[in-house]
PDB file of N, CA and C in Angstrom:
ATOM      1  N   GLY A   1     -18.083  -9.460  11.531  1.00  0.00           N
ATOM      2  CA  GLY A   1     -17.303  -8.726  11.325  1.00  0.00           C
ATOM      3  C   GLY A   1     -15.659  -9.228  10.524  1.00  0.00           C
ATOM      4  N   LYS A   2     -15.425 -10.516  10.804  1.00  0.00           N
ATOM      5  CA  LYS A   2     -13.697 -10.463  10.137  1.00  0.00           C
ATOM      6  C   LYS A   2     -14.510 -10.787   9.109  1.00  0.00           C
ATOM      7  N   ASP A   3     -15.654 -11.733   7.977  1.00  0.00           N
ATOM      8  CA  ASP A   3     -15.825 -11.461   6.723  1.00  0.00           C
ATOM      9  C   ASP A   3     -15.361  -9.842   6.464  1.00  0.00           C
ATOM     10  N   PHE A   4     -16.102  -9.201   6.583  1.00  0.00           N
ATOM     11  CA  PHE A   4     -15.999  -7.638   6.483  1.00  0.00           C
ATOM     12  C   PHE A   4     -14.637  -7.697   6.016  1.00  0.00           C
ATOM     13  N   VAL A   5     -14.471  -7.018   6.414  1.00  0.00           N
ATOM     14  CA  VAL A   5     -13.219  -7.047   7.665  1.00  0.00           C
ATOM     15  C   VAL A   5     -12.224  -7.661   6.185  1.00  0.00           C
ATOM     16  N   GLN A   6     -12.279  -9.088   5.883  1.00  0.00           N
ATOM     17  CA  GLN A   6     -11.345  -9.785   4.885  1.00  0.00           C
ATOM     18  C   GLN A   6     -11.891  -9.491   2.690  1.00  0.00           C
ATOM     19  N   PHE A   7     -13.496  -9.013   2.797  1.00  0.00           N
ATOM     20  CA  PHE A   7     -14.273  -8.898   1.908  1.00  0.00           C
ATOM     21  C   PHE A   7     -13.124  -6.826   1.530  1.00  0.00           C
ATOM     22  N   ALA A   8     -13.065  -6.222   2.838  1.00  0.00           N
ATOM     23  CA  ALA A   8     -12.564  -4.777   2.588  1.00  0.00           C
ATOM     24  C   ALA A   8     -11.609  -5.329   2.289  1.00  0.00           C
ATOM     25  N   LYS A   9     -10.532  -5.873   2.277  1.00  0.00           N
ATOM     26  CA  LYS A   9      -9.037  -5.750   2.605  1.00  0.00           C
ATOM     27  C   LYS A   9      -8.909  -6.673   0.881  1.00  0.00           C
ATOM     28  N   ALA A  10     -10.247  -7.324   0.776  1.00  0.00           N
ATOM     29  CA  ALA A  10      -9.599  -8.267  -0.946  1.00  0.00           C
ATOM     30  C   ALA A  10     -10.301  -6.546  -2.137  1.00  0.00           C
ATOM     31  N   VAL A  11     -10.891  -5.894  -1.704  1.00  0.00           N
ATOM     32  CA  VAL A  11     -11.225  -4.563  -2.675  1.00  0.00           C
ATOM     33  C   VAL A  11     -10.498  -3.300  -2.578  1.00  0.00           C
ATOM     34  N   GLU A  12      -9.552  -3.072  -1.696  1.00  0.00           N
ATOM     35  CA  GLU A  12      -8.465  -2.156  -1.216  1.00  0.00           C
ATOM     36  C   GLU A  12      -6.890  -2.694  -1.883  1.00  0.00           C
ATOM     37  N   ILE A  13      -7.256  -4.773  -2.208  1.00  0.00           N
ATOM     38  CA  ILE A  13      -5.920  -4.493  -2.834  1.00  0.00           C
ATOM     39  C   ILE A  13      -6.523  -4.788  -4.195  1.00  0.00           C
ATOM     40  N   SER A  14      -7.131  -4.926  -5.105  1.00  0.00           N
ATOM     41  CA  SER A  14      -7.856  -5.695  -5.861  1.00  0.00           C
ATOM     42  C   SER A  14      -7.413  -4.298  -6.503  1.00  0.00           C
ATOM     43  N   HIS A  15      -8.489  -3.581  -5.747  1.00  0.00           N
ATOM     44  CA  HIS A  15      -9.744  -1.907  -7.029  1.00  0.00           C
ATOM     45  C   HIS A  15      -9.372  -0.962  -5.914  1.00  0.00           C
ATOM     46  N   SER A  16      -8.486  -0.480  -6.566  1.00  0.00           N
ATOM     47  CA  SER A  16      -8.399   0.581  -4.885  1.00  0.00           C
ATOM     48  C   SER A  16      -9.361   2.162  -5.144  1.00  0.00           C
ATOM     49  N   ASP A  17      -9.793   2.140  -6.935  1.00  0.00           N
ATOM     50  CA  ASP A  17     -10.763   2.294  -6.776  1.00  0.00           C
ATOM     51  C   ASP A  17     -11.553   2.591  -6.682  1.00  0.00           C
ATOM     52  N   ILE A  18     -12.670   1.658  -6.469  1.00  0.00           N
ATOM     53  CA  ILE A  18     -13.546   1.290  -5.792  1.00  0.00           C
ATOM     54  C   ILE A  18     -13.350   1.359  -4.484  1.00  0.00           C
ATOM     55  N   ASP A  19     -12.811   0.172  -3.516  1.00  0.00           N
ATOM     56  CA  ASP A  19     -12.440   1.117  -2.078  1.00  0.00           C
ATOM     57  C   ASP A  19     -12.778   2.444  -1.850  1.00  0.00           C
ATOM     58  N   GLY A  20     -12.319   3.240  -2.305  1.00  0.00           N
ATOM     59  CA  GLY A  20     -12.256   5.136  -2.281  1.00  0.00           C
ATOM     60  C   GLY A  20     -13.848   5.704  -2.534  1.00  0.00           C
ATOM     61  N   LYS A  21     -14.716   4.584  -3.355  1.00  0.00           N
ATOM     62  CA  LYS A  21     -16.526   5.497  -3.244  1.00  0.00           C
ATOM     63  C   LYS A  21     -17.004   4.395  -2.109  1.00  0.00           C
ATOM     64  N   ILE A  22     -16.258   3.667  -1.000  1.00  0.00           N
ATOM     65  CA  ILE A  22     -17.389   3.413  -0.514  1.00  0.00           C
ATOM     66  C   ILE A  22     -16.732   3.806   1.220  1.00  0.00           C
ATOM     67  N   CYS A  23     -17.809   3.767   2.360  1.00  0.00           N
ATOM     68  CA  CYS A  23     -17.419   4.787   3.194  1.00  0.00           C
ATOM     69  C   CYS A  23     -16.673   6.212   2.908  1.00  0.00           C
ATOM     70  N   LYS A  24     -16.224   6.716   2.173  1.00  0.00           N
ATOM     71  CA  LYS A  24     -15.621   7.458   1.715  1.00  0.00           C
ATOM     72  C   LYS A  24     -16.127   9.122   2.961  1.00  0.00           C
ATOM     73  N   THR A  25     -15.750   9.387   3.512  1.00  0.00           N
ATOM     74  CA  THR A  25     -16.434  10.693   4.624  1.00  0.00           C
ATOM     75  C   THR A  25     -16.752  11.861   3.652  1.00  0.00           C
ATOM     76  N   LYS A  26     -16.726  12.730   5.183  1.00  0.00           N
ATOM     77  CA  LYS A  26     -17.893  13.369   4.392  1.00  0.00           C
ATOM     78  C   LYS A  26     -17.365  15.396   4.952  1.00  0.00           C
ATOM     79  N   LYS A  27     -17.299  16.656   4.047  1.00  0.00           N
ATOM     80  CA  LYS A  27     -16.874  17.499   5.030  1.00  0.00           C
ATOM     81  C   LYS A  27     -17.987  17.886   5.395  1.00  0.00           C
ATOM     82  N   SER A  28     -17.841  18.805   6.995  1.00  0.00           N
ATOM     83  CA  SER A  28     -18.526  18.753   7.680  1.00  0.00           C
ATOM     84  C   SER A  28     -19.467  20.017   7.069  1.00  0.00           C
ATOM     85  N   ASP A  29     -21.264  20.719   7.801  1.00  0.00           N
ATOM     86  CA  ASP A  29     -21.312  21.064   7.607  1.00  0.00           C
ATOM     87  C   ASP A  29     -21.196  22.350   7.870  1.00  0.00           C
ATOM     88  N   GLY A  30     -19.902  22.946   8.789  1.00  0.00           N
ATOM     89  CA  GLY A  30     -19.990  23.918   9.341  1.00  0.00           C
ATOM     90  C   GLY A  30     -18.384  24.641   7.891  1.00  0.00           C
ATOM     91  N   GLY A  31     -18.581  25.902   9.089  1.00  0.00           N
ATOM     92  CA  GLY A  31     -17.318  26.411   8.822  1.00  0.00           C
ATOM     93  C   GLY A  31     -16.083  25.096   8.399  1.00  0.00           C
ATOM     94  N   SER A  32     -15.720  24.862   9.013  1.00  0.00           N
ATOM     95  CA  SER A  32     -14.223  23.812   9.544  1.00  0.00           C
ATOM     96  C   SER A  32     -13.954  22.840   7.682  1.00  0.00           C
ATOM     97  N   ASN A  33     -15.224  22.406   7.246  1.00  0.00           N
ATOM     98  CA  ASN A  33     -14.997  22.243   6.402  1.00  0.00           C
ATOM     99  C   ASN A  33     -13.804  20.667   6.090  1.00  0.00           C
ATOM    100  N   LYS A  34     -13.839  20.220   7.393  1.00  0.00           N
ATOM    101  CA  LYS A  34     -13.083  19.186   7.079  1.00  0.00           C
ATOM    102  C   LYS A  34     -14.092  17.556   6.847  1.00  0.00           C
ATOM    103  N   HIS A  35     -12.958  16.856   6.708  1.00  0.00           N
ATOM    104  CA  HIS A  35     -14.162  15.311   6.418  1.00  0.00           C
ATOM    105  C   HIS A  35     -13.930  14.801   7.507  1.00  0.00           C
ATOM    106  N   GLY A  36     -14.447  14.128   7.509  1.00  0.00           N
ATOM    107  CA  GLY A  36     -15.148  12.814   9.060  1.00  0.00           C
ATOM    108  C   GLY A  36     -13.625  12.421   8.731  1.00  0.00           C
ATOM    109  N   VAL A  37     -12.998  11.995   9.969  1.00  0.00           N
ATOM    110  CA  VAL A  37     -11.407  11.185  10.533  1.00  0.00           C
ATOM    111  C   VAL A  37     -12.154   9.842  11.403  1.00  0.00           C
ATOM    112  N   TYR A  38     -11.537   8.487  11.248  1.00  0.00           N
ATOM    113  CA  TYR A  38     -11.891   7.186  11.832  1.00  0.00           C
ATOM    114  C   TYR A  38     -11.338   7.242  13.198  1.00  0.00           C
ATOM    115  N   GLY A  39     -11.795   6.688  13.954  1.00  0.00           N
ATOM    116  CA  GLY A  39     -11.579   6.133  14.951  1.00  0.00           C
ATOM    117  C   GLY A  39     -11.883   4.669  15.911  1.00  0.00           C
ATOM    118  N   LYS A  40     -11.537   4.775  16.533  1.00  0.00           N
ATOM    119  CA  LYS A  40     -12.425   3.392  17.358  1.00  0.00           C
ATOM    120  C   LYS A  40     -13.547   3.607  18.402  1.00  0.00           C
ATOM    121  N   THR A  41     -13.413   5.347  18.767  1.00  0.00           N
ATOM    122  CA  THR A  41     -14.495   5.635  19.173  1.00  0.00           C
ATOM    123  C   THR A  41     -15.127   6.948  19.060  1.00  0.00           C
ATOM    124  N   LYS A  42     -15.776   7.846  18.643  1.00  0.00           N
ATOM    125  CA  LYS A  42     -16.308   8.786  18.795  1.00  0.00           C
ATOM    126  C   LYS A  42     -16.110   9.666  19.199  1.00  0.00           C
ATOM    127  N   THR A  43     -15.544  10.728  18.757  1.00  0.00           N
ATOM    128  CA  THR A  43     -14.613  11.784  19.563  1.00  0.00           C
ATOM    129  C   THR A  43     -15.339  13.172  19.600  1.00  0.00           C
ATOM    130  N   SER A  44     -14.897  14.043  19.576  1.00  0.00           N
ATOM    131  CA  SER A  44     -15.106  15.856  19.547  1.00  0.00           C
ATOM    132  C   SER A  44     -13.930  16.337  19.812  1.00  0.00           C
ATOM    133  N   GLY A  45     -14.155  18.302  18.955  1.00  0.00           N
ATOM    134  CA  GLY A  45     -12.909  18.310  19.634  1.00  0.00           C
ATOM    135  C   GLY A  45     -12.106  18.675  18.303  1.00  0.00           C
ATOM    136  N   GLY A  46     -10.483  19.407  17.642  1.00  0.00           N
ATOM    137  CA  GLY A  46      -9.484  19.354  17.237  1.00  0.00           C
ATOM    138  C   GLY A  46      -9.344  18.097  16.664  1.00  0.00           C
ATOM    139  N   THR A  47      -8.999  17.325  17.485  1.00  0.00           N
ATOM    140  CA  THR A  47      -8.846  15.711  16.755  1.00  0.00           C
ATOM    141  C   THR A  47     -10.644  15.133  16.628  1.00  0.00           C
ATOM    142  N   ALA A  48     -11.089  15.123  15.840  1.00  0.00           N
ATOM    143  CA  ALA A  48     -12.018  14.234  15.905  1.00  0.00           C
ATOM    144  C   ALA A  48     -12.486  13.221  15.239  1.00  0.00           C
ATOM    145  N   THR A  49     -13.019  12.227  15.993  1.00  0.00           N
ATOM    146  CA  THR A  49     -12.280  10.889  14.996  1.00  0.00           C
ATOM    147  C   THR A  49     -13.792  10.444  14.982  1.00  0.00           C
ATOM    148  N   GLN A  50     -14.929   9.369  13.896  1.00  0.00           N
ATOM    149  CA  GLN A  50     -15.801   8.891  13.554  1.00  0.00           C
ATOM    150  C   GLN A  50     -15.751   7.584  13.456  1.00  0.00           C
ATOM    151  N   THR A  51     -16.834   6.895  13.781  1.00  0.00           N
ATOM    152  CA  THR A  51     -17.124   5.318  13.718  1.00  0.00           C
ATOM    153  C   THR A  51     -18.054   4.749  12.912  1.00  0.00           C
ATOM    154  N   LEU A  52     -18.717   6.167  12.139  1.00  0.00           N
ATOM    155  CA  LEU A  52     -19.403   5.395  11.124  1.00  0.00           C
ATOM    156  C   LEU A  52     -19.495   5.527   9.340  1.00  0.00           C
ATOM    157  N   CYS A  53     -19.649   4.558   8.982  1.00  0.00           N
ATOM    158  CA  CYS A  53     -19.181   4.455   8.097  1.00  0.00           C
ATOM    159  C   CYS A  53     -19.917   5.432   6.978  1.00  0.00           C
ATOM    160  N   GLY A  54     -18.728   6.750   6.126  1.00  0.00           N
ATOM    161  CA  GLY A  54     -19.171   8.434   5.442  1.00  0.00           C
ATOM    162  C   GLY A  54     -19.273   8.823   6.638  1.00  0.00           C
ATOM    163  N   ALA A  55     -19.346   9.121   7.901  1.00  0.00           N
ATOM    164  CA  ALA A  55     -19.778  10.103   8.315  1.00  0.00           C
ATOM    165  C   ALA A  55     -19.415  11.071   8.218  1.00  0.00           C
ATOM    166  N   LYS A  56     -19.067  12.843   8.322  1.00  0.00           N
ATOM    167  CA  LYS A  56     -19.593  13.879   7.733  1.00  0.00           C
ATOM    168  C   LYS A  56     -18.376  14.419   9.066  1.00  0.00           C
ATOM    169  N   GLY A  57     -16.623  14.924   8.985  1.00  0.00           N
ATOM    170  CA  GLY A  57     -15.758  16.003  10.097  1.00  0.00           C
ATOM    171  C   GLY A  57     -16.781  16.788  10.623  1.00  0.00           C
ATOM    172  N   ASP A  58     -16.403  16.998  12.065  1.00  0.00           N
ATOM    173  CA  ASP A  58     -16.612  17.418  13.236  1.00  0.00           C
ATOM    174  C   ASP A  58     -16.315  19.229  12.963  1.00  0.00           C
ATOM    175  N   ASN A  59     -16.948  19.822  13.237  1.00  0.00           N
ATOM    176  CA  ASN A  59     -17.013  21.904  12.832  1.00  0.00           C
ATOM    177  C   ASN A  59     -15.759  22.085  13.798  1.00  0.00           C
ATOM    178  N   SER A  60     -15.357  21.234  14.748  1.00  0.00           N
ATOM    179  CA  SER A  60     -14.336  21.997  15.515  1.00  0.00           C
ATOM    180  C   SER A  60     -12.970  21.072  15.368  1.00  0.00           C
ATOM    181  N   GLN A  61     -13.274  20.529  14.691  1.00  0.00           N
ATOM    182  CA  GLN A  61     -12.092  19.422  13.568  1.00  0.00           C
ATOM    183  C   GLN A  61     -10.945  21.202  12.913  1.00  0.00           C
ATOM    184  N   SER A  62      -9.643  20.812  13.702  1.00  0.00           N
ATOM    185  CA  SER A  62      -8.141  21.456  13.064  1.00  0.00           C
ATOM    186  C   SER A  62      -7.559  21.261  12.464  1.00  0.00           C
ATOM    187  N   SER A  63      -6.585  19.960  13.224  1.00  0.00           N
ATOM    188  CA  SER A  63      -5.754  20.052  11.847  1.00  0.00           C
ATOM    189  C   SER A  63      -5.526  18.657  10.815  1.00  0.00           C
ATOM    190  N   THR A  64      -6.851  18.610  11.668  1.00  0.00           N
ATOM    191  CA  THR A  64      -6.690  16.260  10.617  1.00  0.00           C
ATOM    192  C   THR A  64      -8.126  16.603   9.369  1.00  0.00           C
ATOM    193  N   GLY A  65      -8.572  15.666   8.990  1.00  0.00           N
ATOM    194  CA  GLY A  65      -9.417  15.854   7.674  1.00  0.00           C
ATOM    195  C   GLY A  65      -9.419  16.578   6.971  1.00  0.00           C
ATOM    196  N   THR A  66      -7.663  16.898   6.576  1.00  0.00           N
ATOM    197  CA  THR A  66      -7.597  17.723   5.425  1.00  0.00           C
ATOM    198  C   THR A  66      -8.649  16.523   3.670  1.00  0.00           C
ATOM    199  N   ASP A  67      -8.427  15.586   3.553  1.00  0.00           N
ATOM    200  CA  ASP A  67      -8.860  15.303   3.395  1.00  0.00           C
ATOM    201  C   ASP A  67      -9.454  13.838   3.679  1.00  0.00           C
ATOM    202  N   PRO A  68     -10.695  12.963   2.236  1.00  0.00           N
ATOM    203  CA  PRO A  68     -11.561  12.114   2.910  1.00  0.00           C
ATOM    204  C   PRO A  68     -11.509  10.925   3.142  1.00  0.00           C
ATOM    205  N   GLU A  69     -11.570  10.199   3.598  1.00  0.00           N
ATOM    206  CA  GLU A  69     -10.713   8.791   4.141  1.00  0.00           C
ATOM    207  C   GLU A  69     -12.110   7.934   3.688  1.00  0.00           C
ATOM    208  N   ALA A  70     -11.650   6.224   3.526  1.00  0.00           N
ATOM    209  CA  ALA A  70     -12.240   5.503   2.647  1.00  0.00           C
ATOM    210  C   ALA A  70     -12.287   3.997   3.134  1.00  0.00           C
ATOM    211  N   LEU A  71     -12.811   3.232   2.935  1.00  0.00           N
ATOM    212  CA  LEU A  71     -13.027   1.965   3.402  1.00  0.00           C
ATOM    213  C   LEU A  71     -11.675   1.623   3.230  1.00  0.00           C
ATOM    214  N   LYS A  72     -10.829   1.779   2.986  1.00  0.00           N
ATOM    215  CA  LYS A  72      -9.682   1.212   4.570  1.00  0.00           C
ATOM    216  C   LYS A  72      -9.181   1.643   4.973  1.00  0.00           C
ATOM    217  N   ASN A  73     -10.267   2.930   5.759  1.00  0.00           N
ATOM    218  CA  ASN A  73      -9.527   3.841   7.326  1.00  0.00           C
ATOM    219  C   ASN A  73     -10.617   3.151   7.891  1.00  0.00           C
ATOM    220  N   PHE A  74     -11.815   3.019   7.010  1.00  0.00           N
ATOM    221  CA  PHE A  74     -12.821   2.791   7.946  1.00  0.00           C
ATOM    222  C   PHE A  74     -12.230   1.372   8.961  1.00  0.00           C
ATOM    223  N   VAL A  75     -11.298   0.370   7.592  1.00  0.00           N
ATOM    224  CA  VAL A  75     -11.130  -0.915   8.630  1.00  0.00           C
ATOM    225  C   VAL A  75     -10.195  -0.942   9.338  1.00  0.00           C
ATOM    226  N   ALA A  76      -9.038  -0.470   8.468  1.00  0.00           N
ATOM    227  CA  ALA A  76      -8.121  -0.181   9.755  1.00  0.00           C
ATOM    228  C   ALA A  76      -8.813   0.987  11.145  1.00  0.00           C
ATOM    229  N   LYS A  77      -8.522   1.710  11.011  1.00  0.00           N
ATOM    230  CA  LYS A  77      -8.696   2.552  12.111  1.00  0.00           C
ATOM    231  C   LYS A  77     -10.017   2.696  13.205  1.00  0.00           C
ATOM    232  N   ALA A  78     -11.569   2.784  12.326  1.00  0.00           N
ATOM    233  CA  ALA A  78     -12.734   2.030  13.039  1.00  0.00           C
ATOM    234  C   ALA A  78     -13.178   0.763  13.242  1.00  0.00           C
ATOM    235  N   LEU A  79     -13.146  -0.350  11.930  1.00  0.00           N
ATOM    236  CA  LEU A  79     -13.371  -1.675  12.941  1.00  0.00           C
ATOM    237  C   LEU A  79     -11.984  -1.828  13.672  1.00  0.00           C
ATOM    238  N   ILE A  80     -10.779  -1.991  13.107  1.00  0.00           N
ATOM    239  CA  ILE A  80      -9.732  -2.376  13.681  1.00  0.00           C
ATOM    240  C   ILE A  80     -10.135  -4.014  13.568  1.00  0.00           C
ATOM    241  N   ASP A  81      -9.888  -4.773  12.358  1.00  0.00           N
ATOM    242  CA  ASP A  81      -9.625  -6.060  12.311  1.00  0.00           C
ATOM    243  C   ASP A  81     -11.197  -6.525  12.723  1.00  0.00           C
ATOM    244  N   SER A  82     -11.775  -5.956  12.640  1.00  0.00           N
ATOM    245  CA  SER A  82     -13.741  -6.666  13.332  1.00  0.00           C
ATOM    246  C   SER A  82     -13.275  -6.693  14.749  1.00  0.00           C
ATOM    247  N   SER A  83     -12.825  -5.965  15.288  1.00  0.00           N
ATOM    248  CA  SER A  83     -13.150  -6.081  17.077  1.00  0.00           C
ATOM    249  C   SER A  83     -14.019  -4.640  17.573  1.00  0.00           C
ATOM    250  N   ASN A  84     -14.300  -3.432  16.849  1.00  0.00           N
ATOM    251  CA  ASN A  84     -15.212  -3.222  16.748  1.00  0.00           C
ATOM    252  C   ASN A  84     -15.781  -1.999  16.233  1.00  0.00           C
ATOM    253  N   ASN A  85     -16.642  -1.725  16.828  1.00  0.00           N
ATOM    254  CA  ASN A  85     -17.738  -0.597  15.314  1.00  0.00           C
ATOM    255  C   ASN A  85     -18.515  -1.603  14.434  1.00  0.00           C
ATOM    256  N   TRP A  86     -18.555  -2.834  14.635  1.00  0.00           N
ATOM    257  CA  TRP A  86     -19.166  -3.448  12.953  1.00  0.00           C
ATOM    258  C   TRP A  86     -19.952  -4.918  14.068  1.00  0.00           C
ATOM    259  N   PRO A  87     -21.567  -4.596  13.152  1.00  0.00           N
ATOM    260  CA  PRO A  87     -22.455  -4.410  12.562  1.00  0.00           C
ATOM    261  C   PRO A  87     -22.933  -2.303  12.499  1.00  0.00           C
ATOM    262  N   THR A  88     -22.571  -1.935  14.061  1.00  0.00           N
ATOM    263  CA  THR A  88     -23.219  -0.995  14.801  1.00  0.00           C
ATOM    264  C   THR A  88     -22.495  -0.053  15.094  1.00  0.00           C
ATOM    265  N   SER A  89     -22.292   0.930  15.145  1.00  0.00           N
ATOM    266  CA  SER A  89     -21.080   1.720  15.249  1.00  0.00           C
ATOM    267  C   SER A  89     -21.111   2.226  16.778  1.00  0.00           C
ATOM    268  N   THR A  90     -20.126   2.677  17.325  1.00  0.00           N
ATOM    269  CA  THR A  90     -21.091   3.402  18.654  1.00  0.00           C
ATOM    270  C   THR A  90     -20.580   5.122  18.835  1.00  0.00           C
ATOM    271  N   LYS A  91     -21.335   5.603  19.456  1.00  0.00           N
ATOM    272  CA  LYS A  91     -21.659   7.439  19.500  1.00  0.00           C
ATOM    273  C   LYS A  91     -20.569   7.878  20.496  1.00  0.00           C
ATOM    274  N   SER A  92     -20.650   8.915  20.889  1.00  0.00           N
ATOM    275  CA  SER A  92     -19.990   9.213  22.378  1.00  0.00           C
ATOM    276  C   SER A  92     -19.517   8.590  23.301  1.00  0.00           C
ATOM    277  N   GLY A  93     -18.992   8.705  24.009  1.00  0.00           N
ATOM    278  CA  GLY A  93     -18.718   7.522  25.425  1.00  0.00           C
ATOM    279  C   GLY A  93     -18.452   6.162  25.122  1.00  0.00           C
ATOM    280  N   ASP A  94     -18.822   5.997  24.385  1.00  0.00           N
ATOM    281  CA  ASP A  94     -18.177   4.302  24.177  1.00  0.00           C
ATOM    282  C   ASP A  94     -19.775   3.457  24.343  1.00  0.00           C
ATOM    283  N   THR A  95     -20.239   4.162  23.764  1.00  0.00           N
ATOM    284  CA  THR A  95     -21.939   3.066  23.493  1.00  0.00           C
ATOM    285  C   THR A  95     -21.959   2.665  22.927  1.00  0.00           C
ATOM    286  N   GLU A  96     -22.989   1.896  21.833  1.00  0.00           N
ATOM    287  CA  GLU A  96     -23.709   1.891  20.761  1.00  0.00           C
ATOM    288  C   GLU A  96     -24.544   1.830  19.746  1.00  0.00           C
ATOM    289  N   SER A  97     -24.500   3.114  19.251  1.00  0.00           N
ATOM    290  CA  SER A  97     -25.086   3.445  17.843  1.00  0.00           C
ATOM    291  C   SER A  97     -27.178   2.983  17.759  1.00  0.00           C
ATOM    292  N   ASP A  98     -27.851   3.922  18.736  1.00  0.00           N
ATOM    293  CA  ASP A  98     -29.195   4.066  18.887  1.00  0.00           C
ATOM    294  C   ASP A  98     -29.758   3.136  17.186  1.00  0.00           C
ATOM    295  N   ASP A  99     -29.824   3.221  16.427  1.00  0.00           N
ATOM    296  CA  ASP A  99     -29.651   2.928  15.028  1.00  0.00           C
ATOM    297  C   ASP A  99     -28.660   1.122  15.482  1.00  0.00           C
ATOM    298  N   LYS A 100     -29.296   0.419  15.231  1.00  0.00           N
ATOM    299  CA  LYS A 100     -28.987  -1.096  15.066  1.00  0.00           C
ATOM    300  C   LYS A 100     -28.254  -1.575  13.713  1.00  0.00           C
ATOM    301  N   ASN A 101     -27.566  -2.030  13.262  1.00  0.00           N
ATOM    302  CA  ASN A 101     -26.514  -2.271  12.779  1.00  0.00           C
ATOM    303  C   ASN A 101     -26.113  -1.263  11.309  1.00  0.00           C
ATOM    304  N   ASP A 102     -26.356  -0.001  11.910  1.00  0.00           N
ATOM    305  CA  ASP A 102     -25.999   1.591  11.372  1.00  0.00           C
ATOM    306  C   ASP A 102     -24.742   1.594  10.099  1.00  0.00           C
ATOM    307  N   ASN A 103     -23.524   1.026  10.387  1.00  0.00           N
ATOM    308  CA  ASN A 103     -23.102   0.818   9.744  1.00  0.00           C
ATOM    309  C   ASN A 103     -21.775  -0.517   8.628  1.00  0.00           C
ATOM    310  N   ALA A 104     -23.220  -1.446   9.173  1.00  0.00           N
ATOM    311  CA  ALA A 104     -22.998  -2.364   7.960  1.00  0.00           C
ATOM    312  C   ALA A 104     -24.813  -2.307   6.994  1.00  0.00           C
ATOM    313  N   LYS A 105     -25.968  -1.448   7.240  1.00  0.00           N
ATOM    314  CA  LYS A 105     -26.437  -0.320   6.428  1.00  0.00           C
ATOM    315  C   LYS A 105     -25.768   0.174   6.087  1.00  0.00           C
ATOM    316  N   ALA A 106     -24.818   1.374   5.750  1.00  0.00           N
ATOM    317  CA  ALA A 106     -24.156   3.067   5.542  1.00  0.00           C
ATOM    318  C   ALA A 106     -22.655   1.525   4.133  1.00  0.00           C
ATOM    319  N   VAL A 107     -22.921   0.931   4.176  1.00  0.00           N
ATOM    320  CA  VAL A 107     -21.473   0.584   2.818  1.00  0.00           C
ATOM    321  C   VAL A 107     -22.686  -0.179   2.499  1.00  0.00           C
ATOM    322  N   ALA A 108     -23.804  -1.094   2.352  1.00  0.00           N
ATOM    323  CA  ALA A 108     -24.012  -1.934   1.803  1.00  0.00           C
ATOM    324  C   ALA A 108     -25.780  -0.743   0.566  1.00  0.00           C
ATOM    325  N   LYS A 109     -25.768   0.560   1.577  1.00  0.00           N
ATOM    326  CA  LYS A 109     -25.958   1.590   0.843  1.00  0.00           C
ATOM    327  C   LYS A 109     -24.465   2.072  -0.432  1.00  0.00           C
ATOM    328  N   ASP A 110     -23.753   2.672  -0.184  1.00  0.00           N
ATOM    329  CA  ASP A 110     -22.845   3.062  -0.852  1.00  0.00           C
ATOM    330  C   ASP A 110     -22.563   1.798  -1.985  1.00  0.00           C
ATOM    331  N   LEU A 111     -22.651   0.656  -1.962  1.00  0.00           N
ATOM    332  CA  LEU A 111     -22.728  -0.265  -2.284  1.00  0.00           C
ATOM    333  C   LEU A 111     -23.401   0.267  -3.604  1.00  0.00           C
ATOM    334  N   VAL A 112     -24.845  -0.089  -3.230  1.00  0.00           N
ATOM    335  CA  VAL A 112     -26.008   0.015  -4.039  1.00  0.00           C
ATOM    336  C   VAL A 112     -26.106   1.435  -4.528  1.00  0.00           C
ATOM    337  N   LYS A 113     -25.850   2.842  -4.591  1.00  0.00           N
ATOM    338  CA  LYS A 113     -25.105   4.083  -4.623  1.00  0.00           C
ATOM    339  C   LYS A 113     -24.187   4.156  -5.039  1.00  0.00           C
ATOM    340  N   GLU A 114     -23.245   3.577  -5.036  1.00  0.00           N
ATOM    341  CA  GLU A 114     -22.257   5.148  -5.116  1.00  0.00           C
ATOM    342  C   GLU A 114     -20.385   4.000  -6.554  1.00  0.00           C
ATOM    343  N   LEU A 115     -21.785   3.056  -6.734  1.00  0.00           N
ATOM    344  CA  LEU A 115     -21.351   1.839  -7.256  1.00  0.00           C
ATOM    345  C   LEU A 115     -21.489   1.740  -8.905  1.00  0.00           C
ATOM    346  N   ASN A 116     -20.150   1.943  -9.687  1.00  0.00           N
ATOM    347  CA  ASN A 116     -21.456   1.478 -11.584  1.00  0.00           C
ATOM    348  C   ASN A 116     -22.198   0.380 -11.529  1.00  0.00           C
ATOM    349  N   PRO A 117     -22.452  -0.162 -12.146  1.00  0.00           N
ATOM    350  CA  PRO A 117     -22.782  -1.641 -12.870  1.00  0.00           C
ATOM    351  C   PRO A 117     -21.485  -2.666 -12.940  1.00  0.00           C
ATOM    352  N   ASP A 118     -20.395  -2.093 -13.460  1.00  0.00           N
ATOM    353  CA  ASP A 118     -19.065  -3.406 -13.600  1.00  0.00           C
ATOM    354  C   ASP A 118     -18.177  -2.969 -12.426  1.00  0.00           C
ATOM    355  N   GLU A 119     -19.084  -1.436 -11.791  1.00  0.00           N
ATOM    356  CA  GLU A 119     -18.366  -1.946 -10.400  1.00  0.00           C
ATOM    357  C   GLU A 119     -18.601  -2.867  -9.162  1.00  0.00           C
ATOM    358  N   LYS A 120     -19.541  -3.124  -9.393  1.00  0.00           N
ATOM    359  CA  LYS A 120     -21.293  -4.294  -8.490  1.00  0.00           C
ATOM    360  C   LYS A 120     -20.923  -5.169  -8.564  1.00  0.00           C
ATOM    361  N   THR A 121     -20.523  -5.824 -10.422  1.00  0.00           N
ATOM    362  CA  THR A 121     -19.878  -7.214 -10.104  1.00  0.00           C
ATOM    363  C   THR A 121     -18.888  -6.931 -10.210  1.00  0.00           C
ATOM    364  N   ILE A 122     -18.390  -7.103 -10.244  1.00  0.00           N
ATOM    365  CA  ILE A 122     -16.374  -6.520  -9.233  1.00  0.00           C
ATOM    366  C   ILE A 122     -16.649  -7.666  -7.562  1.00  0.00           C
ATOM    367  N   VAL A 123     -17.568  -6.791  -6.965  1.00  0.00           N
ATOM    368  CA  VAL A 123     -17.667  -6.642  -5.868  1.00  0.00           C
ATOM    369  C   VAL A 123     -18.637  -7.652  -5.544  1.00  0.00           C
ATOM    370  N   ALA A 124     -19.287  -8.433  -6.453  1.00  0.00           N
ATOM    371  CA  ALA A 124     -20.046  -9.423  -6.514  1.00  0.00           C
ATOM    372  C   ALA A 124     -19.966 -10.618  -5.494  1.00  0.00           C
TER     373      ALA A 124
END
């Protein structure tokens, strides 16, 4: 986890445009149209938080999630400097996700699918 946090911080400092493409949260499927918001634990309701890289917002969100969050937010709020949610996220009730290594897989997917060839060279 610590190595990944160092990588993420280096990307944030030197290439903020790339940072914004990795772990970018998505809008909820329903009517709230809110982006996922990262947190230490997965919660629902008006101030819902997500622990999975690139997660969708919660339909019950009210004042949070107006804008998407990305890698730097994921590291600061969900990983909390490597002590949580890596490489596997947590689900409601603060138990580990059934999908082992889901956060590591989500980051790898974003690195492959969201970055252009030049950006891939930079992060390599």
